Amino acid sequence: MKEAANSGKGKTLLISAGIEIMLIICITAANLNPTPILYFVFYNLLYGLVCSLFIPLYCLYKENGVPASGSVLAEAGFKKPGIRQWVVLAVFVVFSVGGQLIPKMAVGEQIPWRLLPMGIAPLIMTTFFEEFLFRGFVQSRIDRQFGWVSAILVSGAMFSLYHLGYPGFRTWEDILLLFAVGIGFATAYKLSGNNLIVSFFVNLPNAFVTYILKYEQFPVMRVSSNIAAAVTLVLIVLILLSCYHCVRSGAHGVRS
């Protein structure tokens, strides 16, 4: 029993490290020659759909089996939020977003809100991939096998280090700041009872604000980026709906 548990822990760490390396490689490749088609292939498809969604879903289904009565998606954090979850969400959004905007607005600094519309769809897409992978998949597994402190640290570290793939976030200052931000997202996920909806909506406003304040560090957002992100978001919804119906049909098959 103990050997099986240790083997499971080693497998979790190996999968997490392997995915992290693939993320950095894919994002780096996407930004080397960011033509619309190559960016879509390396970023939206390989980094996003393959590494951040398909591989975690495959691992979860291999562990739980298809007729798991919804446990696969629930394990990844797809849970209905309650009062506790809404409180956690509100507190973290106020502190993270307010902490960035209020000091600048207090001294009369102009906030370039005009930049936001072009970044909405790509940031929604990227935020989903981040939260599903780092919180829903990695943190939930590490929490179960190593404890919540290790889970928060690993989740925060992976969130920080994967930004090495982005040319604008490769300084030590950025990596350390992103580690602190990742710890915050991971803490919100834990305090919400591992609720992916909460961590997603804690991350998303922060991503919007960070983009408009540090847009020069982000990949250039074009019309093609928004079209590609919209297509990818539709694919995400279709994949998750397929998983949901697959789980339900499997559960009905078991009962019958």
C-alpha atoms as a PDB file:
ATOM      1  CA  MET A   1       0.000   0.000   0.000  1.00  0.00           C
ATOM      2  CA  LYS A   2       2.780   2.408   0.968  1.00  0.00           C
ATOM      3  CA  GLU A   3       4.764   1.578  -2.182  1.00  0.00           C
ATOM      4  CA  ALA A   4       1.685   2.257  -4.328  1.00  0.00           C
ATOM      5  CA  ALA A   5       1.160   5.603  -2.596  1.00  0.00           C
ATOM      6  CA  ASN A   6       4.804   6.586  -3.127  1.00  0.00           C
ATOM      7  CA  SER A   7       4.562   5.508  -6.751  1.00  0.00           C
ATOM      8  CA  GLY A   8       1.472   7.695  -7.178  1.00  0.00           C
ATOM      9  CA  LYS A   9       3.285  10.674  -5.659  1.00  0.00           C
ATOM     10  CA  GLY A  10       6.248  10.201  -7.961  1.00  0.00           C
ATOM     11  CA  LYS A  11       3.950   9.926 -10.960  1.00  0.00           C
ATOM     12  CA  THR A  12       2.177  13.156 -10.010  1.00  0.00           C
ATOM     13  CA  LEU A  13       5.454  15.059  -9.714  1.00  0.00           C
ATOM     14  CA  LEU A  14       6.747  13.609 -12.987  1.00  0.00           C
ATOM     15  CA  ILE A  15       3.579  14.494 -14.904  1.00  0.00           C
ATOM     16  CA  SER A  16       3.525  18.009 -13.436  1.00  0.00           C
ATOM     17  CA  ALA A  17       7.182  18.631 -14.302  1.00  0.00           C
ATOM     18  CA  GLY A  18       6.730  17.210 -17.797  1.00  0.00           C
ATOM     19  CA  ILE A  19       3.716  19.400 -18.508  1.00  0.00           C
ATOM     20  CA  GLU A  20       5.522  22.479 -17.177  1.00  0.00           C
ATOM     21  CA  ILE A  21       8.457  21.899 -19.520  1.00  0.00           C
ATOM     22  CA  MET A  22       6.113  21.397 -22.476  1.00  0.00           C
ATOM     23  CA  LEU A  23       4.281  24.630 -21.623  1.00  0.00           C
ATOM     24  CA  ILE A  24       7.481  26.666 -21.641  1.00  0.00           C
ATOM     25  CA  ILE A  25       8.627  25.092 -24.920  1.00  0.00           C
ATOM     26  CA  CYS A  26       5.279  25.661 -26.660  1.00  0.00           C
ATOM     27  CA  ILE A  27       4.917  29.267 -25.515  1.00  0.00           C
ATOM     28  CA  THR A  28       8.530  30.036 -26.409  1.00  0.00           C
ATOM     29  CA  ALA A  29       7.997  28.563 -29.883  1.00  0.00           C
ATOM     30  CA  ALA A  30       4.792  30.573 -30.310  1.00  0.00           C
ATOM     31  CA  ASN A  31       6.641  33.809 -29.593  1.00  0.00           C
ATOM     32  CA  LEU A  32       9.731  33.114 -31.734  1.00  0.00           C
ATOM     33  CA  ASN A  33       7.939  33.856 -34.995  1.00  0.00           C
ATOM     34  CA  PRO A  34       4.445  34.978 -33.992  1.00  0.00           C
ATOM     35  CA  THR A  35       2.625  34.720 -37.310  1.00  0.00           C
ATOM     36  CA  PRO A  36      -1.117  34.122 -36.746  1.00  0.00           C
ATOM     37  CA  ILE A  37      -1.113  30.479 -37.867  1.00  0.00           C
ATOM     38  CA  LEU A  38       2.052  29.464 -35.988  1.00  0.00           C
ATOM     39  CA  TYR A  39       0.895  31.275 -32.866  1.00  0.00           C
ATOM     40  CA  PHE A  40      -2.442  29.484 -33.046  1.00  0.00           C
ATOM     41  CA  VAL A  41      -0.740  26.094 -33.427  1.00  0.00           C
ATOM     42  CA  PHE A  42       1.856  26.477 -30.676  1.00  0.00           C
ATOM     43  CA  TYR A  43      -0.156  28.605 -28.232  1.00  0.00           C
ATOM     44  CA  ASN A  44      -3.862  27.882 -28.601  1.00  0.00           C
ATOM     45  CA  LEU A  45      -3.589  24.254 -29.681  1.00  0.00           C
ATOM     46  CA  LEU A  46      -0.408  22.832 -28.144  1.00  0.00           C
ATOM     47  CA  TYR A  47       0.030  24.930 -24.997  1.00  0.00           C
ATOM     48  CA  GLY A  48      -3.691  25.361 -24.434  1.00  0.00           C
ATOM     49  CA  LEU A  49      -5.848  22.513 -25.637  1.00  0.00           C
ATOM     50  CA  VAL A  50      -3.244  19.727 -25.588  1.00  0.00           C
ATOM     51  CA  CYS A  51      -1.004  20.443 -22.580  1.00  0.00           C
ATOM     52  CA  SER A  52      -3.418  22.368 -20.354  1.00  0.00           C
ATOM     53  CA  LEU A  53      -6.675  20.535 -21.080  1.00  0.00           C
ATOM     54  CA  PHE A  54      -6.380  17.203 -22.940  1.00  0.00           C
ATOM     55  CA  ILE A  55      -3.463  15.760 -20.964  1.00  0.00           C
ATOM     56  CA  PRO A  56      -4.958  16.629 -17.537  1.00  0.00           C
ATOM     57  CA  LEU A  57      -8.372  15.286 -18.595  1.00  0.00           C
ATOM     58  CA  TYR A  58      -6.778  12.095 -19.900  1.00  0.00           C
ATOM     59  CA  CYS A  59      -4.900  11.589 -16.616  1.00  0.00           C
ATOM     60  CA  LEU A  60      -8.064  12.186 -14.585  1.00  0.00           C
ATOM     61  CA  TYR A  61     -10.087   9.731 -16.659  1.00  0.00           C
ATOM     62  CA  LYS A  62      -7.329   7.118 -16.453  1.00  0.00           C
ATOM     63  CA  GLU A  63      -7.372   7.397 -12.664  1.00  0.00           C
ATOM     64  CA  ASN A  64     -11.111   7.643 -12.097  1.00  0.00           C
ATOM     65  CA  GLY A  65     -12.618   5.828 -15.061  1.00  0.00           C
ATOM     66  CA  VAL A  66     -15.383   7.249 -17.242  1.00  0.00           C
ATOM     67  CA  PRO A  67     -18.377   6.118 -15.154  1.00  0.00           C
ATOM     68  CA  ALA A  68     -17.241   8.096 -12.146  1.00  0.00           C
ATOM     69  CA  SER A  69     -20.554   9.871 -11.496  1.00  0.00           C
ATOM     70  CA  GLY A  70     -19.078  13.301 -12.088  1.00  0.00           C
ATOM     71  CA  SER A  71     -16.034  12.878  -9.856  1.00  0.00           C
ATOM     72  CA  VAL A  72     -13.638  13.617 -12.719  1.00  0.00           C
ATOM     73  CA  LEU A  73     -14.929  17.135 -13.322  1.00  0.00           C
ATOM     74  CA  ALA A  74     -15.607  17.735  -9.626  1.00  0.00           C
ATOM     75  CA  GLU A  75     -12.025  16.743  -8.809  1.00  0.00           C
ATOM     76  CA  ALA A  76     -10.861  19.413 -11.237  1.00  0.00           C
ATOM     77  CA  GLY A  77     -12.856  22.033  -9.327  1.00  0.00           C
ATOM     78  CA  PHE A  78     -16.094  22.251 -11.293  1.00  0.00           C
ATOM     79  CA  LYS A  79     -18.384  22.824  -8.329  1.00  0.00           C
ATOM     80  CA  LYS A  80     -21.351  25.060  -7.665  1.00  0.00           C
ATOM     81  CA  PRO A  81     -20.244  28.068  -5.583  1.00  0.00           C
ATOM     82  CA  GLY A  82     -21.987  28.909  -2.325  1.00  0.00           C
ATOM     83  CA  ILE A  83     -21.843  31.852   0.083  1.00  0.00           C
ATOM     84  CA  ARG A  84     -18.348  30.954   1.293  1.00  0.00           C
ATOM     85  CA  GLN A  85     -17.059  30.825  -2.261  1.00  0.00           C
ATOM     86  CA  TRP A  86     -18.561  34.204  -3.189  1.00  0.00           C
ATOM     87  CA  VAL A  87     -17.021  35.800  -0.088  1.00  0.00           C
ATOM     88  CA  VAL A  88     -13.573  34.416  -0.918  1.00  0.00           C
ATOM     89  CA  LEU A  89     -13.939  35.642  -4.500  1.00  0.00           C
ATOM     90  CA  ALA A  90     -14.992  39.151  -3.465  1.00  0.00           C
ATOM     91  CA  VAL A  91     -12.179  39.548  -0.925  1.00  0.00           C
ATOM     92  CA  PHE A  92      -9.429  38.418  -3.290  1.00  0.00           C
ATOM     93  CA  VAL A  93     -10.683  40.503  -6.221  1.00  0.00           C
ATOM     94  CA  VAL A  94     -10.934  43.656  -4.100  1.00  0.00           C
ATOM     95  CA  PHE A  95      -7.403  43.252  -2.757  1.00  0.00           C
ATOM     96  CA  SER A  96      -5.720  42.131  -5.996  1.00  0.00           C
ATOM     97  CA  VAL A  97      -7.414  44.551  -8.388  1.00  0.00           C
ATOM     98  CA  GLY A  98      -7.793  47.413  -5.940  1.00  0.00           C
ATOM     99  CA  GLY A  99      -4.186  47.036  -4.856  1.00  0.00           C
ATOM    100  CA  GLN A 100      -3.041  47.716  -8.406  1.00  0.00           C
ATOM    101  CA  LEU A 101      -5.515  50.398  -9.471  1.00  0.00           C
ATOM    102  CA  ILE A 102      -6.223  52.501  -6.378  1.00  0.00           C
ATOM    103  CA  PRO A 103      -2.632  53.787  -5.827  1.00  0.00           C
ATOM    104  CA  LYS A 104      -2.362  54.830  -9.492  1.00  0.00           C
ATOM    105  CA  MET A 105      -5.779  56.467  -9.578  1.00  0.00           C
ATOM    106  CA  ALA A 106      -5.072  58.244  -6.284  1.00  0.00           C
ATOM    107  CA  VAL A 107      -2.146  60.123  -7.840  1.00  0.00           C
ATOM    108  CA  GLY A 108      -4.103  60.919 -10.989  1.00  0.00           C
ATOM    109  CA  GLU A 109      -2.377  58.443 -13.295  1.00  0.00           C
ATOM    110  CA  GLN A 110      -4.350  57.689 -16.445  1.00  0.00           C
ATOM    111  CA  ILE A 111      -5.411  54.054 -16.812  1.00  0.00           C
ATOM    112  CA  PRO A 112      -5.351  52.968 -20.502  1.00  0.00           C
ATOM    113  CA  TRP A 113      -8.743  51.245 -20.476  1.00  0.00           C
ATOM    114  CA  ARG A 114      -8.861  51.530 -24.287  1.00  0.00           C
ATOM    115  CA  LEU A 115      -6.455  48.579 -24.495  1.00  0.00           C
ATOM    116  CA  LEU A 116      -8.769  46.172 -22.699  1.00  0.00           C
ATOM    117  CA  PRO A 117     -11.261  45.210 -25.472  1.00  0.00           C
ATOM    118  CA  MET A 118      -8.539  43.684 -27.651  1.00  0.00           C
ATOM    119  CA  GLY A 119      -7.330  41.535 -24.760  1.00  0.00           C
ATOM    120  CA  ILE A 120     -10.622  40.195 -23.399  1.00  0.00           C
ATOM    121  CA  ALA A 121     -11.005  36.965 -25.402  1.00  0.00           C
ATOM    122  CA  PRO A 122      -7.308  35.952 -25.312  1.00  0.00           C
ATOM    123  CA  LEU A 123      -7.099  36.618 -21.570  1.00  0.00           C
ATOM    124  CA  ILE A 124     -10.274  34.650 -20.824  1.00  0.00           C
ATOM    125  CA  MET A 125      -8.807  31.728 -22.766  1.00  0.00           C
ATOM    126  CA  THR A 126      -5.385  31.871 -21.110  1.00  0.00           C
ATOM    127  CA  THR A 127      -6.884  32.316 -17.643  1.00  0.00           C
ATOM    128  CA  PHE A 128      -8.992  29.192 -18.097  1.00  0.00           C
ATOM    129  CA  PHE A 129      -5.971  27.152 -19.167  1.00  0.00           C
ATOM    130  CA  GLU A 130      -3.945  28.435 -16.200  1.00  0.00           C
ATOM    131  CA  GLU A 131      -6.607  27.725 -13.627  1.00  0.00           C
ATOM    132  CA  PHE A 132      -7.674  24.344 -15.000  1.00  0.00           C
ATOM    133  CA  LEU A 133      -4.085  23.103 -15.124  1.00  0.00           C
ATOM    134  CA  PHE A 134      -2.379  24.720 -12.136  1.00  0.00           C
ATOM    135  CA  ARG A 135      -5.306  24.708  -9.737  1.00  0.00           C
ATOM    136  CA  GLY A 136      -7.871  22.169 -10.948  1.00  0.00           C
ATOM    137  CA  PHE A 137      -5.369  19.497 -11.954  1.00  0.00           C
ATOM    138  CA  VAL A 138      -1.994  20.024 -10.256  1.00  0.00           C
ATOM    139  CA  GLN A 139      -3.014  21.637  -6.967  1.00  0.00           C
ATOM    140  CA  SER A 140      -5.868  19.220  -6.320  1.00  0.00           C
ATOM    141  CA  ARG A 141      -3.572  16.213  -6.851  1.00  0.00           C
ATOM    142  CA  ILE A 142      -0.675  17.611  -4.805  1.00  0.00           C
ATOM    143  CA  ASP A 143      -3.088  18.556  -2.008  1.00  0.00           C
ATOM    144  CA  ARG A 144      -4.440  15.021  -1.844  1.00  0.00           C
ATOM    145  CA  GLN A 145      -1.014  13.378  -1.855  1.00  0.00           C
ATOM    146  CA  PHE A 146       1.336  15.841  -0.132  1.00  0.00           C
ATOM    147  CA  GLY A 147      -0.899  18.255   1.800  1.00  0.00           C
ATOM    148  CA  TRP A 148      -2.274  21.731   1.178  1.00  0.00           C
ATOM    149  CA  VAL A 149       0.907  23.694   1.954  1.00  0.00           C
ATOM    150  CA  SER A 150       2.917  21.790  -0.645  1.00  0.00           C
ATOM    151  CA  ALA A 151       0.012  22.091  -3.077  1.00  0.00           C
ATOM    152  CA  ILE A 152      -0.126  25.880  -2.786  1.00  0.00           C
ATOM    153  CA  LEU A 153       3.653  26.213  -3.159  1.00  0.00           C
ATOM    154  CA  VAL A 154       3.871  23.899  -6.175  1.00  0.00           C
ATOM    155  CA  SER A 155       0.849  25.492  -7.850  1.00  0.00           C
ATOM    156  CA  GLY A 156       2.269  28.980  -7.320  1.00  0.00           C
ATOM    157  CA  ALA A 157       5.720  27.961  -8.525  1.00  0.00           C
ATOM    158  CA  MET A 158       4.397  26.324 -11.692  1.00  0.00           C
ATOM    159  CA  PHE A 159       2.274  29.390 -12.449  1.00  0.00           C
ATOM    160  CA  SER A 160       5.333  31.597 -12.043  1.00  0.00           C
ATOM    161  CA  LEU A 161       7.855  29.493 -13.971  1.00  0.00           C
ATOM    162  CA  TYR A 162       5.644  28.809 -16.966  1.00  0.00           C
ATOM    163  CA  HIS A 163       5.839  32.551 -17.715  1.00  0.00           C
ATOM    164  CA  LEU A 164       9.461  31.971 -18.760  1.00  0.00           C
ATOM    165  CA  GLY A 165       7.962  31.132 -22.140  1.00  0.00           C
ATOM    166  CA  TYR A 166       6.810  34.748 -22.522  1.00  0.00           C
ATOM    167  CA  PRO A 167       9.655  37.091 -23.590  1.00  0.00           C
ATOM    168  CA  GLY A 168       8.231  39.965 -21.524  1.00  0.00           C
ATOM    169  CA  PHE A 169       8.230  38.089 -18.198  1.00  0.00           C
ATOM    170  CA  ARG A 170      11.726  36.629 -17.900  1.00  0.00           C
ATOM    171  CA  THR A 171      13.321  38.853 -15.252  1.00  0.00           C
ATOM    172  CA  TRP A 172      13.808  37.613 -11.708  1.00  0.00           C
ATOM    173  CA  GLU A 173      11.595  40.431 -10.465  1.00  0.00           C
ATOM    174  CA  ASP A 174       8.725  39.294 -12.690  1.00  0.00           C
ATOM    175  CA  ILE A 175       9.157  35.621 -11.774  1.00  0.00           C
ATOM    176  CA  LEU A 176       9.178  36.368  -8.037  1.00  0.00           C
ATOM    177  CA  LEU A 177       6.169  38.674  -8.355  1.00  0.00           C
ATOM    178  CA  LEU A 178       4.310  36.027 -10.366  1.00  0.00           C
ATOM    179  CA  PHE A 179       5.164  33.457  -7.700  1.00  0.00           C
ATOM    180  CA  ALA A 180       3.500  35.666  -5.089  1.00  0.00           C
ATOM    181  CA  VAL A 181       0.503  36.162  -7.398  1.00  0.00           C
ATOM    182  CA  GLY A 182       0.308  32.416  -8.025  1.00  0.00           C
ATOM    183  CA  ILE A 183       0.369  31.765  -4.277  1.00  0.00           C
ATOM    184  CA  GLY A 184      -2.582  34.137  -3.964  1.00  0.00           C
ATOM    185  CA  PHE A 185      -4.584  32.331  -6.649  1.00  0.00           C
ATOM    186  CA  ALA A 186      -3.727  28.963  -5.094  1.00  0.00           C
ATOM    187  CA  THR A 187      -4.779  30.201  -1.652  1.00  0.00           C
ATOM    188  CA  ALA A 188      -8.100  31.427  -3.035  1.00  0.00           C
ATOM    189  CA  TYR A 189      -8.632  28.006  -4.617  1.00  0.00           C
ATOM    190  CA  LYS A 190      -7.929  26.255  -1.312  1.00  0.00           C
ATOM    191  CA  LEU A 191     -10.060  28.606   0.804  1.00  0.00           C
ATOM    192  CA  SER A 192     -12.969  28.186  -1.610  1.00  0.00           C
ATOM    193  CA  GLY A 193     -12.934  24.423  -1.131  1.00  0.00           C
ATOM    194  CA  ASN A 194     -11.049  23.779  -4.389  1.00  0.00           C
ATOM    195  CA  ASN A 195     -13.600  25.632  -6.499  1.00  0.00           C
ATOM    196  CA  LEU A 196     -12.337  26.347 -10.015  1.00  0.00           C
ATOM    197  CA  ILE A 197     -14.999  28.979 -10.664  1.00  0.00           C
ATOM    198  CA  VAL A 198     -13.671  31.054  -7.773  1.00  0.00           C
ATOM    199  CA  SER A 199     -10.010  30.804  -8.767  1.00  0.00           C
ATOM    200  CA  PHE A 200     -10.883  31.606 -12.395  1.00  0.00           C
ATOM    201  CA  PHE A 201     -12.738  34.791 -11.470  1.00  0.00           C
ATOM    202  CA  VAL A 202     -10.008  35.781  -9.008  1.00  0.00           C
ATOM    203  CA  ASN A 203      -7.412  35.426 -11.764  1.00  0.00           C
ATOM    204  CA  LEU A 204      -9.378  37.003 -14.629  1.00  0.00           C
ATOM    205  CA  PRO A 205      -9.827  40.592 -13.302  1.00  0.00           C
ATOM    206  CA  ASN A 206      -6.201  40.523 -12.211  1.00  0.00           C
ATOM    207  CA  ALA A 207      -5.196  39.484 -15.746  1.00  0.00           C
ATOM    208  CA  PHE A 208      -7.249  42.323 -17.242  1.00  0.00           C
ATOM    209  CA  VAL A 209      -5.676  44.930 -14.961  1.00  0.00           C
ATOM    210  CA  THR A 210      -2.154  43.572 -15.407  1.00  0.00           C
ATOM    211  CA  TYR A 211      -2.608  43.665 -19.179  1.00  0.00           C
ATOM    212  CA  ILE A 212      -3.693  47.299 -19.346  1.00  0.00           C
ATOM    213  CA  LEU A 213      -0.947  48.373 -16.928  1.00  0.00           C
ATOM    214  CA  LYS A 214       1.867  46.271 -18.429  1.00  0.00           C
ATOM    215  CA  TYR A 215       0.642  45.678 -21.975  1.00  0.00           C
ATOM    216  CA  GLU A 216       4.141  46.107 -23.414  1.00  0.00           C
ATOM    217  CA  GLN A 217       5.185  42.875 -21.658  1.00  0.00           C
ATOM    218  CA  PHE A 218       2.358  40.849 -23.198  1.00  0.00           C
ATOM    219  CA  PRO A 219       2.238  39.282 -26.664  1.00  0.00           C
ATOM    220  CA  VAL A 220       0.671  41.718 -29.132  1.00  0.00           C
ATOM    221  CA  MET A 221      -3.112  41.306 -29.179  1.00  0.00           C
ATOM    222  CA  ARG A 222      -4.474  41.522 -32.716  1.00  0.00           C
ATOM    223  CA  VAL A 223      -7.818  40.846 -34.385  1.00  0.00           C
ATOM    224  CA  SER A 224      -6.422  37.450 -35.394  1.00  0.00           C
ATOM    225  CA  SER A 225      -5.603  36.747 -31.736  1.00  0.00           C
ATOM    226  CA  ASN A 226      -9.207  37.406 -30.766  1.00  0.00           C
ATOM    227  CA  ILE A 227     -10.600  35.229 -33.555  1.00  0.00           C
ATOM    228  CA  ALA A 228      -8.251  32.394 -32.579  1.00  0.00           C
ATOM    229  CA  ALA A 229      -9.156  32.800 -28.902  1.00  0.00           C
ATOM    230  CA  ALA A 230     -12.886  32.785 -29.690  1.00  0.00           C
ATOM    231  CA  VAL A 231     -12.512  29.570 -31.701  1.00  0.00           C
ATOM    232  CA  THR A 232     -10.501  28.012 -28.875  1.00  0.00           C
ATOM    233  CA  LEU A 233     -13.084  29.017 -26.256  1.00  0.00           C
ATOM    234  CA  VAL A 234     -15.816  27.353 -28.311  1.00  0.00           C
ATOM    235  CA  LEU A 235     -13.695  24.196 -28.483  1.00  0.00           C
ATOM    236  CA  ILE A 236     -13.172  24.303 -24.706  1.00  0.00           C
ATOM    237  CA  VAL A 237     -16.920  24.496 -24.108  1.00  0.00           C
ATOM    238  CA  LEU A 238     -17.581  21.623 -26.519  1.00  0.00           C
ATOM    239  CA  ILE A 239     -14.891  19.466 -24.898  1.00  0.00           C
ATOM    240  CA  LEU A 240     -16.200  20.080 -21.382  1.00  0.00           C
ATOM    241  CA  LEU A 241     -19.789  19.426 -22.468  1.00  0.00           C
ATOM    242  CA  SER A 242     -18.658  16.173 -24.083  1.00  0.00           C
ATOM    243  CA  CYS A 243     -16.906  15.177 -20.850  1.00  0.00           C
ATOM    244  CA  TYR A 244     -20.006  16.010 -18.839  1.00  0.00           C
ATOM    245  CA  HIS A 245     -22.293  13.949 -21.061  1.00  0.00           C
ATOM    246  CA  CYS A 246     -19.748  11.125 -21.134  1.00  0.00           C
ATOM    247  CA  VAL A 247     -19.678  11.046 -17.338  1.00  0.00           C
ATOM    248  CA  ARG A 248     -23.472  11.131 -17.105  1.00  0.00           C
ATOM    249  CA  SER A 249     -23.952   8.356 -19.659  1.00  0.00           C
ATOM    250  CA  GLY A 250     -21.293   6.276 -17.914  1.00  0.00           C
ATOM    251  CA  ALA A 251     -22.987   6.747 -14.556  1.00  0.00           C
ATOM    252  CA  HIS A 252     -26.365   5.744 -16.011  1.00  0.00           C
ATOM    253  CA  GLY A 253     -24.762   2.661 -17.523  1.00  0.00           C
ATOM    254  CA  VAL A 254     -23.394   1.623 -14.145  1.00  0.00           C
ATOM    255  CA  ARG A 255     -26.805   2.027 -12.456  1.00  0.00           C
ATOM    256  CA  SER A 256     -28.597  -0.002 -15.107  1.00  0.00           C
END
